[in-house]
């Protein structure tokens, strides 16, 4: 019978391991795929105006790219993915939407609505990229982040 060193368990838990986790198929956060007309142009907008970093590009010139900022990831794809409608939306939660709004004003981002308090408990702004994809960015509580019943 193998012996267990409790120090190893303590170190794993301290590093973020969940002792109750039993799933081998735990899903990671979803990554939206935005259909864009010009990947290099969209990539430039996400980097220069929205403060994302380029993580990956495919082809030369790029026909697909991944951008990231903190925990958020977005795929940018030339043309249409199967069944994708133009003008996709996503929500990203963050600690201080007002500070991000100030940054985006300075960067010249396309701000659809400035930060506003909504009845569902989120202070939210909406930004848009040149292809009509909307990103709802808000500060709210944990219950609201998991509630899809609001618009």
N, C-alpha and C. Protein backbone atom coordinates (compact mmCIF):
# COMPACT_ATOMS: atom_id res chain seq x y z
N UNK A 1 0.85 -1.18 0.00
CA UNK A 1 0.00 0.00 0.00
C UNK A 1 0.89 1.25 0.00
N UNK A 2 0.65 2.18 -0.94
CA UNK A 2 1.47 3.39 -1.00
C UNK A 2 1.18 4.30 0.20
N UNK A 3 2.18 4.97 0.65
CA UNK A 3 1.99 5.95 1.73
C UNK A 3 1.84 7.34 1.12
N UNK A 4 1.15 8.19 1.84
CA UNK A 4 0.91 9.55 1.36
C UNK A 4 1.61 10.53 2.27
N UNK A 5 2.33 11.44 1.68
CA UNK A 5 3.00 12.49 2.43
C UNK A 5 2.06 13.70 2.50
N UNK A 6 1.54 14.03 3.69
CA UNK A 6 0.59 15.15 3.80
C UNK A 6 1.20 16.49 3.38
N UNK A 7 2.50 16.61 3.40
CA UNK A 7 3.15 17.85 2.97
C UNK A 7 2.88 18.11 1.49
N UNK A 8 2.87 17.05 0.69
CA UNK A 8 2.61 17.19 -0.74
C UNK A 8 1.19 17.70 -0.96
N UNK A 9 0.23 17.11 -0.24
CA UNK A 9 -1.16 17.56 -0.36
C UNK A 9 -1.29 19.02 0.02
N UNK A 10 -0.67 19.41 1.11
CA UNK A 10 -0.73 20.80 1.57
C UNK A 10 -0.15 21.75 0.52
N UNK A 11 0.96 21.36 -0.10
CA UNK A 11 1.58 22.20 -1.13
C UNK A 11 0.67 22.33 -2.36
N UNK A 12 0.05 21.24 -2.77
CA UNK A 12 -0.85 21.28 -3.92
C UNK A 12 -2.06 22.18 -3.65
N UNK A 13 -2.64 22.06 -2.46
CA UNK A 13 -3.79 22.90 -2.11
C UNK A 13 -3.36 24.36 -2.03
N UNK A 14 -2.20 24.63 -1.46
CA UNK A 14 -1.69 26.00 -1.38
C UNK A 14 -1.46 26.59 -2.77
N UNK A 15 -1.15 25.75 -3.75
CA UNK A 15 -0.92 26.20 -5.12
C UNK A 15 -2.21 26.33 -5.92
N UNK A 16 -3.36 26.01 -5.29
CA UNK A 16 -4.64 26.19 -5.98
C UNK A 16 -5.37 24.93 -6.33
N UNK A 17 -4.83 23.76 -6.00
CA UNK A 17 -5.53 22.51 -6.29
C UNK A 17 -6.79 22.43 -5.43
N UNK A 18 -7.86 21.92 -6.02
CA UNK A 18 -9.12 21.75 -5.30
C UNK A 18 -9.22 20.29 -4.86
N UNK A 19 -9.19 20.03 -3.55
CA UNK A 19 -9.23 18.64 -3.08
C UNK A 19 -10.54 17.93 -3.41
N UNK A 20 -11.58 18.68 -3.76
CA UNK A 20 -12.87 18.08 -4.10
C UNK A 20 -13.01 17.82 -5.61
N UNK A 21 -12.10 18.33 -6.41
CA UNK A 21 -12.18 18.18 -7.86
C UNK A 21 -11.98 16.73 -8.27
N UNK A 22 -12.94 16.20 -9.01
CA UNK A 22 -12.86 14.81 -9.46
C UNK A 22 -13.03 14.68 -10.98
N UNK A 23 -13.32 15.78 -11.64
CA UNK A 23 -13.61 15.75 -13.07
C UNK A 23 -12.33 15.75 -13.89
N UNK A 24 -12.28 14.89 -14.88
CA UNK A 24 -11.14 14.89 -15.80
C UNK A 24 -11.45 15.75 -17.03
N UNK A 25 -12.68 16.24 -17.14
CA UNK A 25 -13.11 17.04 -18.29
C UNK A 25 -13.55 18.43 -17.88
N UNK A 26 -12.89 19.03 -16.91
CA UNK A 26 -13.29 20.37 -16.46
C UNK A 26 -13.06 21.35 -17.60
N UNK A 27 -14.10 22.12 -17.90
CA UNK A 27 -14.01 23.08 -19.00
C UNK A 27 -13.36 24.37 -18.55
N UNK A 28 -12.65 24.97 -19.46
CA UNK A 28 -12.06 26.29 -19.24
C UNK A 28 -13.04 27.34 -19.74
N UNK A 29 -12.79 28.61 -19.43
CA UNK A 29 -13.70 29.66 -19.91
C UNK A 29 -13.81 29.63 -21.43
N UNK A 30 -15.00 29.93 -21.96
CA UNK A 30 -15.17 29.94 -23.41
C UNK A 30 -14.40 31.08 -24.06
N UNK A 31 -14.05 30.89 -25.32
CA UNK A 31 -13.39 31.93 -26.10
C UNK A 31 -14.29 32.23 -27.29
N UNK A 32 -14.81 33.45 -27.37
CA UNK A 32 -15.67 33.78 -28.51
C UNK A 32 -14.85 33.88 -29.78
N UNK A 33 -15.51 33.62 -30.90
CA UNK A 33 -14.90 33.77 -32.22
C UNK A 33 -15.65 34.89 -32.93
N UNK A 34 -14.95 36.00 -33.18
CA UNK A 34 -15.55 37.12 -33.87
C UNK A 34 -15.19 37.04 -35.35
N UNK A 35 -16.20 37.13 -36.19
CA UNK A 35 -15.98 37.20 -37.62
C UNK A 35 -15.62 38.64 -37.97
N UNK A 36 -14.48 38.81 -38.63
CA UNK A 36 -14.02 40.15 -39.00
C UNK A 36 -13.73 40.20 -40.49
N UNK A 37 -13.82 41.38 -41.07
CA UNK A 37 -13.58 41.52 -42.50
C UNK A 37 -12.10 41.57 -42.85
N UNK A 38 -11.28 42.05 -41.90
CA UNK A 38 -9.86 42.23 -42.16
C UNK A 38 -9.11 41.91 -40.86
N UNK A 39 -8.50 40.74 -40.78
CA UNK A 39 -7.85 40.32 -39.53
C UNK A 39 -6.72 41.26 -39.12
N UNK A 40 -5.81 41.67 -40.01
CA UNK A 40 -4.76 42.60 -39.57
C UNK A 40 -5.33 43.91 -39.01
N UNK A 41 -6.37 44.45 -39.65
CA UNK A 41 -7.00 45.68 -39.17
C UNK A 41 -7.64 45.46 -37.80
N UNK A 42 -8.37 44.36 -37.65
CA UNK A 42 -9.01 44.04 -36.37
C UNK A 42 -7.95 43.83 -35.28
N UNK A 43 -6.89 43.12 -35.63
CA UNK A 43 -5.81 42.86 -34.68
C UNK A 43 -5.21 44.18 -34.20
N UNK A 44 -4.97 45.11 -35.12
CA UNK A 44 -4.45 46.42 -34.75
C UNK A 44 -5.39 47.16 -33.81
N UNK A 45 -6.69 47.08 -34.09
CA UNK A 45 -7.67 47.76 -33.23
C UNK A 45 -7.66 47.19 -31.82
N UNK A 46 -7.68 45.88 -31.71
CA UNK A 46 -7.70 45.25 -30.39
C UNK A 46 -6.43 45.57 -29.60
N UNK A 47 -5.31 45.67 -30.30
CA UNK A 47 -4.04 45.98 -29.62
C UNK A 47 -3.96 47.47 -29.28
N UNK A 48 -4.15 48.33 -30.28
CA UNK A 48 -3.94 49.76 -30.10
C UNK A 48 -5.06 50.45 -29.34
N UNK A 49 -6.29 50.06 -29.59
CA UNK A 49 -7.43 50.77 -28.99
C UNK A 49 -7.97 50.11 -27.73
N UNK A 50 -7.92 48.78 -27.66
CA UNK A 50 -8.52 48.08 -26.52
C UNK A 50 -7.49 47.49 -25.56
N UNK A 51 -6.20 47.63 -25.88
CA UNK A 51 -5.16 47.21 -24.96
C UNK A 51 -4.94 45.71 -24.86
N UNK A 52 -5.39 44.95 -25.87
CA UNK A 52 -5.14 43.51 -25.90
C UNK A 52 -3.74 43.25 -26.45
N UNK A 53 -3.24 42.05 -26.27
CA UNK A 53 -1.96 41.64 -26.85
C UNK A 53 -2.22 40.53 -27.87
N UNK A 54 -1.42 40.50 -28.90
CA UNK A 54 -1.52 39.42 -29.89
C UNK A 54 -0.90 38.16 -29.31
N UNK A 55 -1.64 37.06 -29.34
CA UNK A 55 -1.16 35.79 -28.82
C UNK A 55 -0.79 34.81 -29.93
N UNK A 56 -1.48 34.92 -31.09
CA UNK A 56 -1.31 33.93 -32.14
C UNK A 56 -1.88 34.49 -33.43
N UNK A 57 -1.21 34.25 -34.54
CA UNK A 57 -1.78 34.56 -35.85
C UNK A 57 -1.54 33.37 -36.78
N UNK A 58 -2.41 33.23 -37.76
CA UNK A 58 -2.32 32.14 -38.72
C UNK A 58 -2.35 32.73 -40.12
N UNK A 59 -1.46 32.29 -40.96
CA UNK A 59 -1.32 32.73 -42.35
C UNK A 59 -0.59 34.07 -42.43
N UNK A 60 -0.20 34.42 -43.68
CA UNK A 60 0.48 35.67 -43.93
C UNK A 60 -0.06 36.24 -45.24
N UNK A 61 -0.88 37.28 -45.22
CA UNK A 61 -1.35 38.00 -44.04
C UNK A 61 -2.32 37.15 -43.21
N UNK A 62 -2.47 37.48 -41.93
CA UNK A 62 -3.28 36.63 -41.04
C UNK A 62 -4.75 36.53 -41.47
N UNK A 63 -5.27 35.31 -41.39
CA UNK A 63 -6.69 35.06 -41.60
C UNK A 63 -7.37 34.64 -40.29
N UNK A 64 -6.56 34.47 -39.24
CA UNK A 64 -7.06 34.09 -37.92
C UNK A 64 -6.06 34.61 -36.89
N UNK A 65 -6.59 35.09 -35.77
CA UNK A 65 -5.71 35.60 -34.71
C UNK A 65 -6.36 35.39 -33.35
N UNK A 66 -5.52 35.34 -32.33
CA UNK A 66 -5.99 35.31 -30.95
C UNK A 66 -5.41 36.53 -30.25
N UNK A 67 -6.29 37.27 -29.55
CA UNK A 67 -5.85 38.38 -28.73
C UNK A 67 -6.22 38.08 -27.29
N UNK A 68 -5.46 38.68 -26.36
CA UNK A 68 -5.71 38.43 -24.94
C UNK A 68 -5.43 39.67 -24.14
N UNK A 69 -6.18 39.80 -23.07
CA UNK A 69 -5.92 40.83 -22.07
C UNK A 69 -6.32 40.23 -20.73
N UNK A 70 -5.37 40.11 -19.84
CA UNK A 70 -5.58 39.47 -18.54
C UNK A 70 -6.13 38.06 -18.78
N UNK A 71 -7.31 37.73 -18.27
CA UNK A 71 -7.89 36.39 -18.43
C UNK A 71 -8.74 36.25 -19.69
N UNK A 72 -9.02 37.36 -20.37
CA UNK A 72 -9.92 37.34 -21.54
C UNK A 72 -9.17 36.95 -22.80
N UNK A 73 -9.77 36.09 -23.62
CA UNK A 73 -9.23 35.67 -24.90
C UNK A 73 -10.32 35.81 -25.97
N UNK A 74 -9.95 36.29 -27.15
CA UNK A 74 -10.89 36.42 -28.26
C UNK A 74 -10.20 35.92 -29.52
N UNK A 75 -10.91 35.10 -30.30
CA UNK A 75 -10.44 34.67 -31.61
C UNK A 75 -11.02 35.62 -32.65
N UNK A 76 -10.20 36.03 -33.60
CA UNK A 76 -10.62 36.87 -34.72
C UNK A 76 -10.45 36.06 -35.99
N UNK A 77 -11.55 35.86 -36.72
CA UNK A 77 -11.52 34.98 -37.88
C UNK A 77 -12.02 35.71 -39.12
N UNK A 78 -11.26 35.60 -40.22
CA UNK A 78 -11.69 36.20 -41.48
C UNK A 78 -12.91 35.45 -42.01
N UNK A 79 -13.91 36.19 -42.45
CA UNK A 79 -15.11 35.56 -42.97
C UNK A 79 -15.99 35.04 -41.86
N UNK A 80 -16.75 34.03 -42.15
CA UNK A 80 -17.74 33.50 -41.22
C UNK A 80 -17.40 32.08 -40.81
N UNK A 81 -17.40 31.84 -39.50
CA UNK A 81 -17.34 30.46 -39.01
C UNK A 81 -18.71 29.85 -39.29
N UNK A 82 -18.81 28.57 -39.33
CA UNK A 82 -20.06 27.89 -39.63
C UNK A 82 -21.18 28.35 -38.70
N UNK A 83 -22.22 28.93 -39.28
CA UNK A 83 -23.39 29.32 -38.51
C UNK A 83 -23.26 30.61 -37.72
N UNK A 84 -22.15 31.30 -37.81
CA UNK A 84 -21.95 32.51 -37.00
C UNK A 84 -22.66 33.69 -37.64
N UNK A 85 -23.40 34.41 -36.82
CA UNK A 85 -24.06 35.62 -37.29
C UNK A 85 -23.14 36.81 -37.09
N UNK A 86 -23.23 37.82 -37.97
CA UNK A 86 -22.40 39.01 -37.77
C UNK A 86 -22.82 39.74 -36.50
N UNK A 87 -21.91 40.50 -35.92
CA UNK A 87 -22.23 41.29 -34.75
C UNK A 87 -22.35 40.47 -33.48
N UNK A 88 -21.34 39.70 -33.13
CA UNK A 88 -21.35 38.90 -31.91
C UNK A 88 -21.20 39.79 -30.69
N UNK A 89 -21.62 39.24 -29.52
CA UNK A 89 -21.49 39.94 -28.25
C UNK A 89 -20.84 39.00 -27.24
N UNK A 90 -20.06 39.59 -26.34
CA UNK A 90 -19.56 38.85 -25.18
C UNK A 90 -19.59 39.78 -23.97
N UNK A 91 -19.49 39.19 -22.79
CA UNK A 91 -19.37 39.97 -21.55
C UNK A 91 -18.05 39.63 -20.89
N UNK A 92 -17.40 40.65 -20.37
CA UNK A 92 -16.17 40.47 -19.61
C UNK A 92 -16.33 41.25 -18.31
N UNK A 93 -16.11 40.57 -17.19
CA UNK A 93 -16.17 41.23 -15.89
C UNK A 93 -14.78 41.63 -15.44
N UNK A 94 -14.69 42.76 -14.75
CA UNK A 94 -13.42 43.27 -14.27
C UNK A 94 -13.66 44.10 -13.01
N UNK A 95 -12.59 44.39 -12.26
CA UNK A 95 -12.77 45.09 -10.99
C UNK A 95 -13.22 46.55 -11.09
N UNK A 96 -12.82 47.31 -12.13
CA UNK A 96 -13.11 48.75 -12.18
C UNK A 96 -13.39 49.20 -13.61
N UNK A 97 -14.66 49.15 -13.99
CA UNK A 97 -15.04 49.51 -15.35
C UNK A 97 -14.81 50.99 -15.63
N UNK A 98 -14.90 51.83 -14.61
CA UNK A 98 -14.69 53.27 -14.83
C UNK A 98 -13.24 53.57 -15.20
N UNK A 99 -12.30 52.89 -14.56
CA UNK A 99 -10.89 53.08 -14.90
C UNK A 99 -10.63 52.61 -16.33
N UNK A 100 -11.24 51.48 -16.73
CA UNK A 100 -11.06 50.99 -18.09
C UNK A 100 -11.67 51.97 -19.08
N UNK A 101 -12.81 52.55 -18.74
CA UNK A 101 -13.45 53.54 -19.62
C UNK A 101 -12.51 54.72 -19.86
N UNK A 102 -11.88 55.22 -18.80
CA UNK A 102 -10.93 56.33 -18.97
C UNK A 102 -9.80 55.94 -19.92
N UNK A 103 -9.29 54.72 -19.75
CA UNK A 103 -8.22 54.24 -20.64
C UNK A 103 -8.70 54.19 -22.09
N UNK A 104 -9.91 53.67 -22.29
CA UNK A 104 -10.43 53.53 -23.65
C UNK A 104 -10.73 54.88 -24.30
N UNK A 105 -11.16 55.87 -23.52
CA UNK A 105 -11.35 57.22 -24.06
C UNK A 105 -10.02 57.75 -24.58
N UNK A 106 -8.96 57.58 -23.79
CA UNK A 106 -7.62 58.03 -24.22
C UNK A 106 -7.14 57.30 -25.46
N UNK A 107 -7.49 56.02 -25.59
CA UNK A 107 -7.04 55.23 -26.73
C UNK A 107 -7.90 55.44 -27.98
N UNK A 108 -9.03 56.10 -27.84
CA UNK A 108 -9.91 56.33 -28.99
C UNK A 108 -10.76 55.13 -29.36
N UNK A 109 -11.10 54.30 -28.38
CA UNK A 109 -11.93 53.11 -28.64
C UNK A 109 -13.35 53.53 -29.02
N UNK A 110 -14.03 52.66 -29.73
CA UNK A 110 -15.43 52.89 -30.11
C UNK A 110 -16.32 52.52 -28.92
N UNK A 111 -16.66 53.50 -28.11
CA UNK A 111 -17.47 53.26 -26.92
C UNK A 111 -18.93 53.47 -27.29
N UNK A 112 -19.72 52.39 -27.20
CA UNK A 112 -21.14 52.45 -27.53
C UNK A 112 -21.91 53.13 -26.40
N UNK A 113 -21.66 52.71 -25.17
CA UNK A 113 -22.27 53.34 -24.00
C UNK A 113 -21.20 53.46 -22.91
N UNK A 114 -21.12 54.62 -22.25
CA UNK A 114 -20.17 54.76 -21.15
C UNK A 114 -20.65 53.96 -19.94
N UNK A 115 -19.83 53.84 -18.90
CA UNK A 115 -20.25 53.09 -17.72
C UNK A 115 -21.57 53.61 -17.16
N UNK A 116 -22.44 52.66 -16.86
CA UNK A 116 -23.78 52.97 -16.38
C UNK A 116 -24.20 51.87 -15.40
N UNK A 117 -24.94 52.24 -14.37
CA UNK A 117 -25.45 51.25 -13.42
C UNK A 117 -26.74 50.64 -13.96
N UNK A 118 -26.80 49.31 -13.97
CA UNK A 118 -27.98 48.60 -14.47
C UNK A 118 -28.71 47.94 -13.31
N UNK A 119 -30.02 47.73 -13.47
CA UNK A 119 -30.81 47.19 -12.36
C UNK A 119 -30.41 45.78 -11.93
N UNK A 120 -29.69 45.06 -12.76
CA UNK A 120 -29.29 43.70 -12.39
C UNK A 120 -27.99 43.68 -11.58
N UNK A 121 -27.51 44.86 -11.17
CA UNK A 121 -26.37 44.91 -10.26
C UNK A 121 -25.01 45.00 -10.91
N UNK A 122 -24.96 45.45 -12.16
CA UNK A 122 -23.68 45.58 -12.86
C UNK A 122 -23.51 47.03 -13.30
N UNK A 123 -22.34 47.56 -13.11
CA UNK A 123 -21.96 48.84 -13.73
C UNK A 123 -21.22 48.45 -14.99
N UNK A 124 -21.75 48.84 -16.13
CA UNK A 124 -21.29 48.29 -17.40
C UNK A 124 -21.14 49.36 -18.45
N UNK A 125 -20.14 49.15 -19.32
CA UNK A 125 -20.02 49.94 -20.55
C UNK A 125 -20.00 48.96 -21.71
N UNK A 126 -20.25 49.49 -22.88
CA UNK A 126 -20.20 48.66 -24.08
C UNK A 126 -19.26 49.32 -25.08
N UNK A 127 -18.37 48.50 -25.62
CA UNK A 127 -17.46 48.95 -26.68
C UNK A 127 -17.71 48.09 -27.90
N UNK A 128 -17.30 48.61 -29.03
CA UNK A 128 -17.55 47.91 -30.28
C UNK A 128 -16.29 47.94 -31.13
N UNK A 129 -16.08 46.88 -31.91
CA UNK A 129 -14.96 46.91 -32.84
C UNK A 129 -15.48 47.37 -34.21
N UNK A 130 -14.60 47.61 -35.18
CA UNK A 130 -15.05 48.13 -36.47
C UNK A 130 -15.98 47.20 -37.24
N UNK A 131 -16.07 45.92 -36.85
CA UNK A 131 -16.97 44.99 -37.53
C UNK A 131 -18.30 44.81 -36.81
N UNK A 132 -18.58 45.60 -35.79
CA UNK A 132 -19.87 45.54 -35.11
C UNK A 132 -19.95 44.56 -33.96
N UNK A 133 -18.86 43.90 -33.60
CA UNK A 133 -18.86 43.01 -32.44
C UNK A 133 -18.84 43.86 -31.18
N UNK A 134 -19.73 43.53 -30.22
CA UNK A 134 -19.88 44.32 -29.01
C UNK A 134 -19.33 43.57 -27.81
N UNK A 135 -18.56 44.30 -26.99
CA UNK A 135 -18.04 43.73 -25.75
C UNK A 135 -18.66 44.51 -24.60
N UNK A 136 -19.44 43.78 -23.80
CA UNK A 136 -20.02 44.37 -22.59
C UNK A 136 -18.99 44.17 -21.48
N UNK A 137 -18.53 45.26 -20.90
CA UNK A 137 -17.51 45.19 -19.85
C UNK A 137 -18.10 45.78 -18.59
N UNK A 138 -18.09 44.98 -17.51
CA UNK A 138 -18.77 45.46 -16.33
C UNK A 138 -18.15 45.01 -15.03
N UNK A 139 -18.52 45.74 -13.99
CA UNK A 139 -18.15 45.43 -12.63
C UNK A 139 -19.44 45.07 -11.90
N UNK A 140 -19.48 43.87 -11.34
CA UNK A 140 -20.68 43.43 -10.64
C UNK A 140 -20.36 42.31 -9.69
N UNK A 141 -21.39 41.84 -8.98
CA UNK A 141 -21.15 40.78 -8.00
C UNK A 141 -21.15 39.41 -8.64
N UNK A 142 -20.69 38.41 -7.92
CA UNK A 142 -20.52 37.03 -8.42
C UNK A 142 -21.83 36.44 -8.90
N UNK A 143 -22.96 36.73 -8.21
CA UNK A 143 -24.26 36.18 -8.63
C UNK A 143 -24.64 36.68 -10.02
N UNK A 144 -24.39 37.97 -10.27
CA UNK A 144 -24.74 38.55 -11.56
C UNK A 144 -23.88 37.96 -12.67
N UNK A 145 -22.62 37.70 -12.39
CA UNK A 145 -21.71 37.16 -13.42
C UNK A 145 -22.18 35.83 -13.95
N UNK A 146 -22.94 35.09 -13.17
CA UNK A 146 -23.41 33.77 -13.59
C UNK A 146 -24.87 33.76 -13.99
N UNK A 147 -25.48 34.95 -14.17
CA UNK A 147 -26.89 35.06 -14.49
C UNK A 147 -27.03 35.55 -15.92
N UNK A 148 -27.65 34.74 -16.78
CA UNK A 148 -27.81 35.11 -18.18
C UNK A 148 -29.18 35.68 -18.50
N UNK A 149 -29.99 36.02 -17.48
CA UNK A 149 -31.36 36.48 -17.70
C UNK A 149 -31.47 37.97 -17.92
N UNK A 150 -30.37 38.68 -18.08
CA UNK A 150 -30.44 40.11 -18.32
C UNK A 150 -29.94 40.46 -19.70
N UNK A 151 -30.27 41.66 -20.13
CA UNK A 151 -29.92 42.11 -21.47
C UNK A 151 -28.98 43.26 -21.44
